[in-house]
Structure formats: structure tokens, C-alpha cells
């Protein structure tokens, strides 16, 4: 089940973040670290009604932030459409439950939520070194649009879009 996150979920979310950061570091990906994303990031997402968790058997197995907030860095890219879109941010799955389709379910939920709100366009990005998310976006039919630099990271972030039917 996917539901809106609650403040009481933040501890579990941060456990998932900490494990994910360790894993990312193991293959040289410094997209996330001890400073970002932090509990304040997720508390703000919850206050903005944009954080969703995937829960099964009373375990939060993953989460996604979905809103319409585009990074300013997106402005210089050649997007296919110039209209309101949903943006998927901060997607993670508990390392114990990886490879069970949870990230795909979270992205499908993002698409369903967009359509429910009359939005046919999704944008997202991930660090160029995040091979798992880059593979997921391609597998789900997201089109690579270009690169942006932000969060004072050394490498570029790859941006993707999907027009929903």
C-alpha cells in the first residue's frame, strides 16, 4: 500500500536513507550524504503533503516525494512539453527489500497521481553515477533529456521525462 507519510515515519525513512547512503558510497556515488537528504527535508515534504511511503506488513519499504516543483536548473533543458508537470524526487527503497518491484510501484503511483490530477507529464532526475535509478527510469520508458549540475556535486545529474497517455 502506498500512503501519505506521517511525521512518525521520519525515523524509519532516515534509517532507509542511512543504509542507502552507505550503499551509494560503496560504488562511488556521492549523490546523497550525511547532510542531504536529512530529517528536516522529509518533515518539510510531509508538511507539503508530497511524501509517500510504500508500506507492507507494517514495514515502510520505500518512499517517494512527488510534487510540481522543478529545480531552477531544469529551465535550460529542451523538454518536450512546456506545461504543468509532476516531479519525482528522493526515491529510495530499503536495502532489505530491493529488487522486488517497489521502486517501479512508486513510479507507477507517481504517474497515476499525475493523471488523477489532470497532469500528463512527469519529470525527474538522478545523479549520473546512480546506475540503479538511471536504469529504472530507462526501463520505465522515461526519455533522457539532458544534464544539469547542482547540489554542488562534481558530476552531472541526468534529467528524464515521460509523457503519459
N, C-alpha and C. Protein backbone atom coordinates (compact mmCIF):
# COMPACT_ATOMS: atom_id res chain seq x y z
N UNK A 1 0.84 -1.19 0.00
CA UNK A 1 0.00 0.00 0.00
C UNK A 1 0.88 1.25 0.00
N UNK A 2 0.49 2.20 -0.79
CA UNK A 2 1.19 3.49 -0.79
C UNK A 2 0.27 4.49 -0.12
N UNK A 3 0.83 5.22 0.83
CA UNK A 3 0.06 6.21 1.59
C UNK A 3 0.92 7.44 1.82
N UNK A 4 0.26 8.53 2.22
CA UNK A 4 1.00 9.74 2.58
C UNK A 4 1.82 9.46 3.83
N UNK A 5 3.01 9.98 3.85
CA UNK A 5 3.89 9.81 5.01
C UNK A 5 3.40 10.67 6.18
N UNK A 6 3.75 10.21 7.39
CA UNK A 6 3.43 10.93 8.62
C UNK A 6 4.75 11.28 9.32
N UNK A 7 4.70 12.26 10.18
CA UNK A 7 5.90 12.66 10.94
C UNK A 7 6.49 11.44 11.67
N UNK A 8 5.64 10.55 12.15
CA UNK A 8 6.14 9.38 12.87
C UNK A 8 6.91 8.41 11.97
N UNK A 9 6.84 8.60 10.65
CA UNK A 9 7.58 7.76 9.70
C UNK A 9 9.02 8.22 9.49
N UNK A 10 9.36 9.41 9.92
CA UNK A 10 10.65 10.01 9.59
C UNK A 10 11.82 9.17 10.11
N UNK A 11 11.71 8.59 11.29
CA UNK A 11 12.80 7.76 11.82
C UNK A 11 13.11 6.59 10.90
N UNK A 12 12.07 5.90 10.44
CA UNK A 12 12.25 4.77 9.52
C UNK A 12 12.82 5.26 8.19
N UNK A 13 12.31 6.37 7.70
CA UNK A 13 12.80 6.94 6.44
C UNK A 13 14.29 7.25 6.56
N UNK A 14 14.70 7.82 7.68
CA UNK A 14 16.12 8.15 7.86
C UNK A 14 16.99 6.89 7.97
N UNK A 15 16.44 5.81 8.52
CA UNK A 15 17.17 4.54 8.53
C UNK A 15 17.40 4.06 7.10
N UNK A 16 16.37 4.17 6.27
CA UNK A 16 16.50 3.79 4.86
C UNK A 16 17.53 4.69 4.17
N UNK A 17 17.49 5.98 4.47
CA UNK A 17 18.46 6.92 3.88
C UNK A 17 19.88 6.53 4.29
N UNK A 18 20.10 6.28 5.55
CA UNK A 18 21.45 5.96 6.03
C UNK A 18 21.99 4.70 5.37
N UNK A 19 21.15 3.68 5.23
CA UNK A 19 21.57 2.45 4.55
C UNK A 19 21.84 2.71 3.07
N UNK A 20 21.00 3.52 2.45
CA UNK A 20 21.15 3.85 1.03
C UNK A 20 22.44 4.64 0.80
N UNK A 21 22.74 5.58 1.68
CA UNK A 21 23.98 6.37 1.56
C UNK A 21 25.19 5.45 1.65
N UNK A 22 25.18 4.49 2.59
CA UNK A 22 26.29 3.53 2.70
C UNK A 22 26.45 2.76 1.40
N UNK A 23 25.33 2.28 0.87
CA UNK A 23 25.39 1.51 -0.37
C UNK A 23 25.90 2.38 -1.53
N UNK A 24 25.39 3.60 -1.64
CA UNK A 24 25.83 4.50 -2.71
C UNK A 24 27.34 4.72 -2.64
N UNK A 25 27.81 4.96 -1.44
CA UNK A 25 29.26 5.20 -1.27
C UNK A 25 30.08 3.99 -1.70
N UNK A 26 29.51 2.79 -1.52
CA UNK A 26 30.26 1.57 -1.85
C UNK A 26 30.57 1.46 -3.34
N UNK A 27 29.79 2.15 -4.17
CA UNK A 27 30.10 2.15 -5.60
C UNK A 27 30.42 3.55 -6.12
N UNK A 28 30.91 4.41 -5.22
CA UNK A 28 31.43 5.71 -5.62
C UNK A 28 30.39 6.77 -5.94
N UNK A 29 29.15 6.55 -5.55
CA UNK A 29 28.09 7.52 -5.80
C UNK A 29 27.90 8.38 -4.56
N UNK A 30 28.18 9.67 -4.69
CA UNK A 30 28.02 10.59 -3.55
C UNK A 30 26.81 11.52 -3.73
N UNK A 31 25.79 11.03 -4.44
CA UNK A 31 24.57 11.83 -4.65
C UNK A 31 23.97 12.28 -3.33
N UNK A 32 23.84 11.36 -2.39
CA UNK A 32 23.34 11.66 -1.07
C UNK A 32 24.46 11.47 -0.08
N UNK A 33 24.36 12.15 1.07
CA UNK A 33 25.40 12.03 2.09
C UNK A 33 24.78 12.27 3.47
N UNK A 34 25.61 12.52 4.45
CA UNK A 34 25.14 12.72 5.82
C UNK A 34 24.35 14.03 5.98
N UNK A 35 24.48 14.93 5.01
CA UNK A 35 23.82 16.23 5.11
C UNK A 35 22.51 16.32 4.31
N UNK A 36 22.45 15.58 3.22
CA UNK A 36 21.25 15.63 2.36
C UNK A 36 20.98 14.27 1.77
N UNK A 37 19.72 13.85 1.78
CA UNK A 37 18.57 14.47 2.44
C UNK A 37 18.58 14.16 3.94
N UNK A 38 18.07 15.09 4.71
CA UNK A 38 18.05 14.91 6.17
C UNK A 38 16.61 14.89 6.68
N UNK A 39 16.45 14.69 7.97
CA UNK A 39 15.09 14.57 8.51
C UNK A 39 14.27 15.83 8.26
N UNK A 40 14.90 16.99 8.29
CA UNK A 40 14.19 18.24 8.02
C UNK A 40 13.63 18.25 6.59
N UNK A 41 14.40 17.71 5.65
CA UNK A 41 13.94 17.60 4.26
C UNK A 41 12.62 16.84 4.21
N UNK A 42 12.57 15.70 4.90
CA UNK A 42 11.38 14.85 4.87
C UNK A 42 10.23 15.43 5.68
N UNK A 43 10.53 16.11 6.78
CA UNK A 43 9.48 16.79 7.55
C UNK A 43 8.82 17.85 6.68
N UNK A 44 9.62 18.59 5.92
CA UNK A 44 9.06 19.60 5.01
C UNK A 44 8.22 18.94 3.92
N UNK A 45 8.69 17.82 3.38
CA UNK A 45 7.91 17.08 2.37
C UNK A 45 6.56 16.68 2.95
N UNK A 46 6.55 16.19 4.19
CA UNK A 46 5.31 15.76 4.84
C UNK A 46 4.39 16.96 5.04
N UNK A 47 4.94 18.07 5.52
CA UNK A 47 4.13 19.29 5.72
C UNK A 47 3.54 19.78 4.40
N UNK A 48 4.25 19.54 3.30
CA UNK A 48 3.78 19.96 1.98
C UNK A 48 2.91 18.90 1.30
N UNK A 49 2.58 17.83 2.04
CA UNK A 49 1.75 16.74 1.50
C UNK A 49 2.34 16.11 0.24
N UNK A 50 3.66 15.99 0.18
CA UNK A 50 4.28 15.47 -1.05
C UNK A 50 5.11 14.20 -0.84
N UNK A 51 5.14 13.67 0.38
CA UNK A 51 5.93 12.47 0.64
C UNK A 51 4.99 11.27 0.83
N UNK A 52 5.31 10.20 0.10
CA UNK A 52 4.52 8.98 0.14
C UNK A 52 5.42 7.82 0.51
N UNK A 53 4.87 6.89 1.28
CA UNK A 53 5.62 5.69 1.65
C UNK A 53 4.93 4.46 1.09
N UNK A 54 5.76 3.47 0.76
CA UNK A 54 5.26 2.14 0.38
C UNK A 54 5.36 1.30 1.63
N UNK A 55 4.21 0.85 2.12
CA UNK A 55 4.16 0.10 3.38
C UNK A 55 3.53 -1.27 3.13
N UNK A 56 4.13 -2.27 3.70
CA UNK A 56 3.64 -3.64 3.57
C UNK A 56 3.99 -4.37 4.86
N UNK A 57 3.03 -5.10 5.41
CA UNK A 57 3.24 -5.84 6.66
C UNK A 57 3.78 -4.93 7.78
N UNK A 58 3.23 -3.73 7.86
CA UNK A 58 3.63 -2.72 8.85
C UNK A 58 5.09 -2.30 8.73
N UNK A 59 5.70 -2.52 7.56
CA UNK A 59 7.07 -2.08 7.30
C UNK A 59 7.07 -1.05 6.18
N UNK A 60 7.73 0.08 6.42
CA UNK A 60 7.93 1.04 5.34
C UNK A 60 9.10 0.50 4.53
N UNK A 61 8.80 0.17 3.29
CA UNK A 61 9.81 -0.45 2.44
C UNK A 61 10.43 0.53 1.44
N UNK A 62 9.80 1.66 1.26
CA UNK A 62 10.34 2.66 0.34
C UNK A 62 9.52 3.93 0.40
N UNK A 63 9.98 4.95 -0.32
CA UNK A 63 9.27 6.22 -0.32
C UNK A 63 9.62 7.02 -1.57
N UNK A 64 8.80 8.03 -1.81
CA UNK A 64 8.98 8.93 -2.94
C UNK A 64 8.36 10.29 -2.59
N UNK A 65 9.01 11.34 -3.03
CA UNK A 65 8.44 12.68 -2.92
C UNK A 65 7.91 13.05 -4.31
N UNK A 66 6.66 13.49 -4.35
CA UNK A 66 6.02 13.86 -5.62
C UNK A 66 5.40 15.24 -5.45
N UNK A 67 5.80 16.17 -6.30
CA UNK A 67 5.20 17.49 -6.29
C UNK A 67 5.32 18.11 -7.68
N UNK A 68 5.06 19.37 -7.79
CA UNK A 68 5.17 20.06 -9.08
C UNK A 68 6.34 21.04 -9.08
N UNK A 69 7.26 20.90 -8.14
CA UNK A 69 8.39 21.82 -8.00
C UNK A 69 9.58 21.38 -8.84
N UNK A 70 9.86 22.18 -9.86
CA UNK A 70 11.01 21.90 -10.72
C UNK A 70 12.22 22.68 -10.25
N UNK A 71 13.37 22.05 -10.32
CA UNK A 71 14.61 22.75 -9.99
C UNK A 71 14.83 23.86 -11.02
N UNK A 72 15.35 24.98 -10.57
CA UNK A 72 15.65 26.10 -11.48
C UNK A 72 16.58 25.64 -12.61
N UNK A 73 17.44 24.68 -12.30
CA UNK A 73 18.39 24.18 -13.30
C UNK A 73 17.70 23.50 -14.48
N UNK A 74 16.46 23.10 -14.32
CA UNK A 74 15.71 22.46 -15.40
C UNK A 74 15.42 23.43 -16.55
N UNK A 75 15.42 24.74 -16.26
CA UNK A 75 14.99 25.74 -17.23
C UNK A 75 15.76 25.72 -18.54
N UNK A 76 17.03 25.36 -18.51
CA UNK A 76 17.86 25.42 -19.72
C UNK A 76 17.84 24.15 -20.55
N UNK A 77 16.99 23.19 -20.17
CA UNK A 77 16.92 21.94 -20.93
C UNK A 77 15.81 21.99 -21.97
N UNK A 78 15.94 21.15 -22.96
CA UNK A 78 14.99 21.11 -24.07
C UNK A 78 13.91 20.06 -23.79
N UNK A 79 12.98 20.37 -22.89
CA UNK A 79 11.89 19.47 -22.54
C UNK A 79 10.91 19.39 -23.70
N UNK A 80 10.20 18.27 -23.81
CA UNK A 80 9.25 18.07 -24.90
C UNK A 80 8.01 18.95 -24.78
N UNK A 81 7.55 19.16 -23.55
CA UNK A 81 6.34 19.96 -23.32
C UNK A 81 6.65 21.14 -22.42
N UNK A 82 5.88 22.18 -22.59
CA UNK A 82 6.00 23.35 -21.72
C UNK A 82 4.68 23.52 -20.99
N UNK A 83 4.42 22.60 -20.07
CA UNK A 83 3.18 22.66 -19.30
C UNK A 83 3.41 22.09 -17.91
N UNK A 84 2.38 22.20 -17.08
CA UNK A 84 2.48 21.73 -15.70
C UNK A 84 2.87 20.24 -15.69
N UNK A 85 3.75 19.90 -14.77
CA UNK A 85 4.20 18.52 -14.68
C UNK A 85 4.31 18.12 -13.21
N UNK A 86 4.37 16.82 -13.00
CA UNK A 86 4.71 16.26 -11.70
C UNK A 86 6.20 15.98 -11.73
N UNK A 87 6.85 16.12 -10.58
CA UNK A 87 8.28 15.85 -10.48
C UNK A 87 8.47 14.82 -9.37
N UNK A 88 9.22 13.76 -9.69
CA UNK A 88 9.54 12.72 -8.71
C UNK A 88 10.91 13.03 -8.13
N UNK A 89 10.98 13.10 -6.81
CA UNK A 89 12.22 13.38 -6.09
C UNK A 89 12.45 12.30 -5.03
N UNK A 90 13.68 12.19 -4.56
CA UNK A 90 14.03 11.42 -3.36
C UNK A 90 13.32 10.07 -3.28
N UNK A 91 13.64 9.20 -4.20
CA UNK A 91 13.09 7.86 -4.23
C UNK A 91 14.10 6.91 -3.60
N UNK A 92 13.66 6.10 -2.66
CA UNK A 92 14.56 5.11 -2.08
C UNK A 92 13.76 3.91 -1.61
N UNK A 93 14.41 2.76 -1.65
CA UNK A 93 13.82 1.51 -1.18
C UNK A 93 14.78 0.91 -0.15
N UNK A 94 14.22 0.43 0.94
CA UNK A 94 15.00 -0.23 1.98
C UNK A 94 15.86 -1.32 1.32
N UNK A 95 17.15 -1.35 1.66
CA UNK A 95 18.07 -2.29 1.03
C UNK A 95 17.63 -3.75 1.20
N UNK A 96 16.90 -4.06 2.27
CA UNK A 96 16.43 -5.44 2.51
C UNK A 96 15.33 -5.86 1.52
N UNK A 97 14.70 -4.87 0.88
CA UNK A 97 13.57 -5.17 0.00
C UNK A 97 13.82 -4.78 -1.45
N UNK A 98 15.08 -4.62 -1.80
CA UNK A 98 15.42 -4.25 -3.17
C UNK A 98 15.09 -5.39 -4.13
N UNK A 99 14.98 -5.04 -5.39
CA UNK A 99 14.72 -6.00 -6.48
C UNK A 99 13.39 -6.73 -6.31
N UNK A 100 12.43 -6.06 -5.68
CA UNK A 100 11.10 -6.67 -5.55
C UNK A 100 10.02 -5.80 -6.20
N UNK A 101 10.45 -4.83 -7.01
CA UNK A 101 9.50 -4.01 -7.76
C UNK A 101 8.94 -2.80 -7.03
N UNK A 102 9.46 -2.51 -5.86
CA UNK A 102 8.91 -1.40 -5.08
C UNK A 102 9.16 -0.05 -5.75
N UNK A 103 10.35 0.18 -6.27
CA UNK A 103 10.64 1.45 -6.94
C UNK A 103 9.73 1.62 -8.16
N UNK A 104 9.50 0.53 -8.88
CA UNK A 104 8.59 0.58 -10.04
C UNK A 104 7.18 0.94 -9.57
N UNK A 105 6.74 0.35 -8.46
CA UNK A 105 5.41 0.67 -7.93
C UNK A 105 5.32 2.14 -7.51
N UNK A 106 6.39 2.66 -6.92
CA UNK A 106 6.40 4.07 -6.52
C UNK A 106 6.31 4.99 -7.74
N UNK A 107 7.05 4.67 -8.78
CA UNK A 107 6.99 5.49 -10.00
C UNK A 107 5.63 5.35 -10.69
N UNK A 108 5.05 4.17 -10.67
CA UNK A 108 3.71 3.98 -11.25
C UNK A 108 2.69 4.80 -10.47
N UNK A 109 2.85 4.82 -9.14
CA UNK A 109 1.98 5.64 -8.30
C UNK A 109 2.10 7.11 -8.68
N UNK A 110 3.33 7.57 -8.92
CA UNK A 110 3.56 8.96 -9.34
C UNK A 110 2.78 9.26 -10.62
N UNK A 111 2.85 8.35 -11.57
CA UNK A 111 2.15 8.53 -12.84
C UNK A 111 0.63 8.54 -12.65
N UNK A 112 0.13 7.62 -11.82
CA UNK A 112 -1.31 7.57 -11.54
C UNK A 112 -1.79 8.84 -10.84
N UNK A 113 -0.99 9.33 -9.89
CA UNK A 113 -1.34 10.55 -9.17
C UNK A 113 -1.40 11.73 -10.14
N UNK A 114 -0.44 11.80 -11.04
CA UNK A 114 -0.42 12.88 -12.04
C UNK A 114 -1.70 12.83 -12.87
N UNK A 115 -2.02 11.67 -13.41
CA UNK A 115 -3.21 11.55 -14.26
C UNK A 115 -4.49 11.90 -13.49
N UNK A 116 -4.53 11.48 -12.23
CA UNK A 116 -5.69 11.79 -11.38
C UNK A 116 -5.87 13.30 -11.22
N UNK A 117 -4.73 14.02 -11.25
CA UNK A 117 -4.78 15.47 -11.11
C UNK A 117 -4.78 16.19 -12.47
N UNK A 118 -4.98 15.41 -13.54
CA UNK A 118 -5.06 16.00 -14.87
C UNK A 118 -3.72 16.40 -15.47
N UNK A 119 -2.65 15.82 -14.97
CA UNK A 119 -1.30 16.13 -15.44
C UNK A 119 -0.80 14.93 -16.25
N UNK A 120 -0.27 15.19 -17.44
CA UNK A 120 0.17 14.09 -18.31
C UNK A 120 1.68 14.03 -18.48
N UNK A 121 2.40 14.76 -17.63
CA UNK A 121 3.83 14.94 -17.87
C UNK A 121 4.60 14.76 -16.57
N UNK A 122 5.62 13.89 -16.58
CA UNK A 122 6.47 13.65 -15.40
C UNK A 122 7.90 14.04 -15.73
N UNK A 123 8.56 14.69 -14.78
CA UNK A 123 9.98 14.98 -14.89
C UNK A 123 10.68 14.42 -13.66
N UNK A 124 11.93 14.03 -13.84
CA UNK A 124 12.72 13.55 -12.72
C UNK A 124 14.20 13.66 -13.07
N UNK A 125 15.05 13.45 -12.10
CA UNK A 125 16.48 13.44 -12.35
C UNK A 125 17.16 12.54 -11.34
N UNK A 126 18.37 12.15 -11.66
CA UNK A 126 19.20 11.40 -10.73
C UNK A 126 20.66 11.64 -11.08
N UNK A 127 21.51 11.43 -10.13
CA UNK A 127 22.94 11.63 -10.32
C UNK A 127 23.45 10.69 -11.41
N UNK A 128 24.35 11.18 -12.22
CA UNK A 128 24.88 10.37 -13.33
C UNK A 128 25.51 9.06 -12.83
N UNK A 129 26.04 9.06 -11.60
CA UNK A 129 26.66 7.86 -11.05
C UNK A 129 25.65 6.89 -10.43
N UNK A 130 24.40 7.28 -10.36
CA UNK A 130 23.37 6.43 -9.76
C UNK A 130 22.85 5.47 -10.84
N UNK A 131 23.61 4.43 -11.08
CA UNK A 131 23.31 3.48 -12.17
C UNK A 131 21.95 2.81 -11.98
N UNK A 132 21.57 2.54 -10.74
CA UNK A 132 20.31 1.84 -10.49
C UNK A 132 19.11 2.70 -10.88
N UNK A 133 19.11 3.97 -10.48
CA UNK A 133 17.97 4.83 -10.83
C UNK A 133 17.97 5.15 -12.32
N UNK A 134 19.14 5.36 -12.91
CA UNK A 134 19.20 5.61 -14.34
C UNK A 134 18.61 4.43 -15.11
N UNK A 135 18.94 3.22 -14.69
CA UNK A 135 18.40 2.01 -15.34
C UNK A 135 16.89 1.92 -15.14
N UNK A 136 16.42 2.23 -13.94
CA UNK A 136 14.99 2.17 -13.67
C UNK A 136 14.22 3.12 -14.57
N UNK A 137 14.68 4.37 -14.66
CA UNK A 137 13.97 5.35 -15.47
C UNK A 137 13.90 4.89 -16.93
N UNK A 138 14.99 4.38 -17.45
CA UNK A 138 15.00 3.90 -18.84
C UNK A 138 14.05 2.71 -19.00
N UNK A 139 14.08 1.78 -18.05
CA UNK A 139 13.21 0.60 -18.10
C UNK A 139 11.73 1.00 -18.10
N UNK A 140 11.40 2.07 -17.39
CA UNK A 140 10.01 2.52 -17.27
C UNK A 140 9.58 3.45 -18.40
N UNK A 141 10.46 3.63 -19.40
CA UNK A 141 10.09 4.43 -20.57
C UNK A 141 10.33 5.92 -20.44
N UNK A 142 11.13 6.31 -19.48
CA UNK A 142 11.47 7.73 -19.36
C UNK A 142 12.55 8.07 -20.39
N UNK A 143 12.41 9.23 -20.97
CA UNK A 143 13.32 9.68 -22.03
C UNK A 143 14.38 10.60 -21.43
N UNK A 144 15.65 10.32 -21.74
CA UNK A 144 16.75 11.17 -21.29
C UNK A 144 16.66 12.50 -22.02
N UNK A 145 16.71 13.60 -21.27
CA UNK A 145 16.59 14.94 -21.85
C UNK A 145 17.92 15.68 -21.86
N UNK A 146 18.71 15.52 -20.83
CA UNK A 146 19.98 16.23 -20.76
C UNK A 146 20.54 16.20 -19.35
N UNK A 147 21.57 17.01 -19.16
CA UNK A 147 22.28 17.04 -17.88
C UNK A 147 22.18 18.41 -17.23
N UNK A 148 22.17 18.42 -15.91
CA UNK A 148 22.28 19.65 -15.13
C UNK A 148 23.32 19.42 -14.05
N UNK A 149 23.86 20.50 -13.56
CA UNK A 149 24.78 20.45 -12.42
C UNK A 149 24.10 21.18 -11.27
N UNK A 150 24.04 20.51 -10.12
CA UNK A 150 23.57 21.21 -8.94
C UNK A 150 23.90 20.44 -7.67
N UNK A 151 23.50 21.00 -6.57
CA UNK A 151 23.85 20.48 -5.24
C UNK A 151 25.36 20.44 -5.04
N UNK A 152 26.03 21.32 -5.72
CA UNK A 152 27.49 21.42 -5.65
C UNK A 152 28.18 20.06 -5.77
N UNK A 153 27.61 19.21 -6.60
CA UNK A 153 28.21 17.90 -6.86
C UNK A 153 29.16 17.99 -8.04
N UNK A 154 30.16 17.14 -8.01
CA UNK A 154 31.19 17.13 -9.03
C UNK A 154 30.65 16.71 -10.40
N UNK A 155 29.80 15.71 -10.41
CA UNK A 155 29.27 15.14 -11.65
C UNK A 155 27.88 15.71 -11.96
N UNK A 156 27.44 15.47 -13.18
CA UNK A 156 26.14 15.95 -13.62
C UNK A 156 25.01 15.06 -13.12
N UNK A 157 23.81 15.62 -13.12
CA UNK A 157 22.58 14.88 -12.89
C UNK A 157 21.92 14.68 -14.25
N UNK A 158 21.39 13.49 -14.49
CA UNK A 158 20.69 13.20 -15.73
C UNK A 158 19.20 13.46 -15.52
N UNK A 159 18.61 14.16 -16.46
CA UNK A 159 17.18 14.51 -16.39
C UNK A 159 16.38 13.68 -17.37
N UNK A 160 15.20 13.29 -16.91
CA UNK A 160 14.32 12.42 -17.70
C UNK A 160 12.89 12.98 -17.69
N UNK A 161 12.14 12.58 -18.73
CA UNK A 161 10.73 12.95 -18.81
C UNK A 161 9.93 11.77 -19.33
N UNK A 162 8.63 11.84 -19.03
CA UNK A 162 7.71 10.85 -19.60
C UNK A 162 6.37 11.55 -19.83
N UNK A 163 5.88 11.41 -21.04
CA UNK A 163 4.54 11.92 -21.36
C UNK A 163 3.59 10.74 -21.20
N UNK A 164 2.59 10.93 -20.35
CA UNK A 164 1.65 9.86 -20.05
C UNK A 164 0.53 9.85 -21.08
N UNK A 165 -0.01 8.69 -21.34
CA UNK A 165 -1.07 8.57 -22.34
C UNK A 165 -2.43 8.44 -21.70
